Protein backbone atom coordinates (compact mmCIF):
# COMPACT_ATOMS: atom_id res chain seq x y z
CA MET A 1 198.10 140.04 42.03
CA GLU A 2 200.42 137.11 41.70
CA GLU A 3 202.28 136.02 44.59
CA ARG A 4 206.12 135.25 44.69
CA ARG A 5 207.37 133.47 47.92
CA GLY A 6 209.97 131.66 48.96
CA GLY A 7 213.60 132.14 50.09
CA THR A 8 212.80 131.59 53.81
CA VAL A 9 215.33 130.41 56.30
CA TRP A 10 214.02 127.70 58.89
CA ASP A 11 216.86 125.36 59.84
CA ALA A 12 220.06 126.03 58.35
CA MET A 13 222.09 128.41 60.29
CA ALA A 14 225.74 128.29 61.84
CA TYR A 15 228.02 130.89 63.44
CA ASP A 16 231.60 131.42 63.19
CA PRO A 17 232.81 133.33 66.31
CA GLN A 18 236.39 133.72 64.78
CA LEU A 19 235.17 135.14 61.52
CA ASP A 20 231.93 136.88 63.31
CA LEU A 21 229.93 135.14 60.32
CA LEU A 22 226.27 133.92 60.43
CA TYR A 23 225.63 131.38 57.79
CA ILE A 24 222.13 130.71 56.63
CA GLY A 25 220.61 128.50 54.03
CA SER A 26 217.92 129.83 52.23
CA GLY A 27 214.46 127.87 50.67
CA ASN A 28 213.59 127.86 47.13
CA ALA A 29 211.49 130.51 45.23
CA ASP A 30 207.80 129.66 44.93
CA PRO A 31 205.76 128.49 42.67
CA TRP A 32 208.29 125.61 41.97
CA ALA A 33 207.79 125.92 38.22
CA ARG A 34 210.20 128.32 36.95
CA ARG A 35 208.25 129.35 33.87
CA ILE A 36 205.32 130.57 35.99
CA ARG A 37 207.23 132.20 38.66
CA ASN A 38 209.53 134.01 36.52
CA ALA A 39 208.93 134.50 32.80
CA ARG A 40 212.37 136.01 32.12
CA ALA A 41 214.12 132.82 33.55
CA GLN A 42 216.11 134.76 36.23
CA ASP A 43 218.05 132.76 38.90
CA ASN A 44 215.84 134.28 41.93
CA LEU A 45 219.24 135.60 43.41
CA LEU A 46 219.46 134.60 47.25
CA ALA A 47 216.91 131.87 47.05
CA SER A 48 218.34 128.33 47.43
CA SER A 49 221.79 129.81 48.68
CA ILE A 50 224.06 129.92 51.47
CA ILE A 51 224.40 133.29 52.57
CA ALA A 52 227.15 134.85 55.06
CA LEU A 53 225.90 137.80 57.15
CA ARG A 54 227.30 139.98 60.12
CA PRO A 55 225.05 138.79 62.77
CA ASP A 56 225.12 142.14 64.54
CA THR A 57 224.20 144.25 61.69
CA GLY A 58 222.66 141.80 59.24
CA GLU A 59 225.56 143.19 56.68
CA TYR A 60 225.67 141.12 53.71
CA VAL A 61 229.10 139.53 53.29
CA TRP A 62 228.87 136.91 50.40
CA HIS A 63 226.67 134.13 49.14
CA TYR A 64 226.80 130.90 46.82
CA GLN A 65 223.61 130.26 45.18
CA GLU A 66 223.71 126.02 44.96
CA ASN A 67 220.39 126.09 42.86
CA PRO A 68 219.92 129.13 40.48
CA GLY A 69 216.19 128.98 39.04
CA ASP A 70 215.38 125.88 41.29
CA GLU A 71 212.47 124.12 39.92
CA TRP A 72 212.10 120.76 42.09
CA ASP A 73 212.46 122.29 45.64
CA TYR A 74 216.32 121.79 46.08
CA ASP A 75 216.42 124.26 48.62
CA SER A 76 219.45 125.03 50.81
CA ALA A 77 218.01 124.70 54.12
CA GLU A 78 219.90 121.72 55.40
CA GLN A 79 222.44 121.71 58.20
CA ILE A 80 225.50 123.49 57.61
CA ILE A 81 228.65 122.12 58.80
CA LEU A 82 231.70 124.47 59.57
CA ALA A 83 234.84 122.74 59.92
CA ASP A 84 238.77 123.05 59.25
CA LEU A 85 240.30 120.83 56.80
CA ARG A 86 243.27 120.43 55.09
CA ILE A 87 243.27 120.88 51.44
CA ASP A 88 246.14 120.61 49.12
CA GLY A 89 248.34 120.55 52.10
CA GLN A 90 246.82 124.06 53.42
CA LEU A 91 244.53 124.14 56.42
CA ARG A 92 241.35 125.79 55.20
CA GLN A 93 238.41 127.05 57.15
CA VAL A 94 235.34 125.46 55.31
CA LEU A 95 231.50 125.30 55.18
CA LEU A 96 230.29 121.91 54.19
CA HIS A 97 226.82 121.56 52.91
CA ALA A 98 224.81 118.74 51.34
CA PRO A 99 221.64 119.95 50.23
CA LYS A 100 218.38 118.36 48.24
CA ASN A 101 220.09 118.75 45.09
CA GLY A 102 222.54 115.75 45.43
CA PHE A 103 225.93 117.82 45.18
CA PHE A 104 227.98 118.09 48.46
CA TYR A 105 229.64 121.30 48.74
CA VAL A 106 232.93 122.84 50.24
CA LEU A 107 232.86 126.58 50.46
CA ASP A 108 235.60 128.74 52.00
CA ARG A 109 233.87 130.17 54.98
CA ALA A 110 235.62 133.52 54.70
CA THR A 111 234.88 134.34 50.90
CA GLY A 112 232.41 131.78 49.93
CA LYS A 113 234.43 130.52 47.22
CA LEU A 114 233.57 127.18 45.82
CA LEU A 115 236.39 124.54 46.74
CA SER A 116 234.60 121.43 45.99
CA ALA A 117 231.22 120.03 44.53
CA LYS A 118 230.84 116.47 43.83
CA PRO A 119 227.59 114.59 43.67
CA PHE A 120 226.77 112.16 46.80
CA THR A 121 224.00 110.44 45.11
CA ARG A 122 222.48 109.90 41.88
CA VAL A 123 222.05 113.29 39.88
CA THR A 124 220.50 113.61 36.46
CA TRP A 125 219.36 117.13 36.59
CA ALA A 126 222.87 118.67 36.06
CA THR A 127 226.18 117.32 34.87
CA GLY A 128 228.43 119.03 37.36
CA ILE A 129 229.60 122.28 38.65
CA ASP A 130 232.34 124.21 37.22
CA LEU A 131 234.91 124.99 39.87
CA GLN A 132 236.40 127.80 38.26
CA THR A 133 233.07 129.74 37.68
CA ALA A 134 231.20 128.02 40.42
CA ASP A 135 228.25 127.58 38.08
CA LEU A 136 226.40 124.57 37.12
CA SER A 137 227.47 122.95 33.96
CA ASN A 138 224.72 122.28 32.08
CA ARG A 139 222.58 123.58 34.83
CA LEU A 140 219.64 121.90 33.70
CA LYS A 141 219.37 119.40 30.53
CA ARG A 142 217.69 121.58 28.08
CA SER A 143 215.38 119.12 26.74
CA MET A 144 214.00 118.59 30.40
CA ARG A 145 213.31 122.54 30.77
CA GLU A 146 211.78 123.11 27.26
CA SER A 147 209.82 120.12 26.99
CA ASP A 148 206.17 119.82 28.21
CA LYS A 149 206.99 116.00 28.59
CA PRO A 150 207.63 114.59 32.00
CA SER A 151 211.10 113.59 33.10
CA VAL A 152 212.30 111.50 35.70
CA VAL A 153 214.98 113.57 37.47
CA PHE A 154 217.51 112.64 40.59
CA ALA A 155 217.71 113.77 43.12
CA ARG A 156 214.21 113.56 43.70
CA PRO A 157 211.96 116.53 44.81
CA ARG A 158 212.22 115.40 48.43
CA GLY A 159 215.88 115.47 48.02
CA SER A 160 218.87 113.55 49.09
CA ALA A 161 219.72 114.83 52.19
CA GLN A 162 216.35 115.70 53.86
CA LEU A 163 215.69 112.73 55.89
CA ALA A 164 218.73 112.05 57.63
CA THR A 165 222.03 113.91 58.36
CA CYS A 166 224.71 113.36 55.69
CA VAL A 167 227.53 111.69 57.31
CA VAL A 168 230.86 112.90 55.96
């Protein structure tokens, strides 16, 4: 029997007492190679995601998957920062996250709605994130996924935010 693992939580957690939400960042699915892990090329729902839960019951509230179908250990287990920021003249309760994939995310803490996602380092594995659909635009350059040839990919597998806390 083949083993499928991953999606664990080991560091990224934050609690909002006003909303009574616990935010957790989950690890990637394993093995890394998507075609081995999942022949149907599914996104491995809740892996490499920010997940909001009710801490007393564990009730699921929302999630945002930062790396659908992750293939390079771009987990979402880096520190989560909660802040109140003025965006377009309106004070918003937001969650800030800079995972290893090279994008800096700003999410609405109550709903999980994506408010901003911009690269904070060199990124070649994706061209951007559509703020309307919250989906990665050209999630992965097709030539990289469909080729058996090596590709140089940034952010690197160790990530862009793993070794030091990102300064905002």
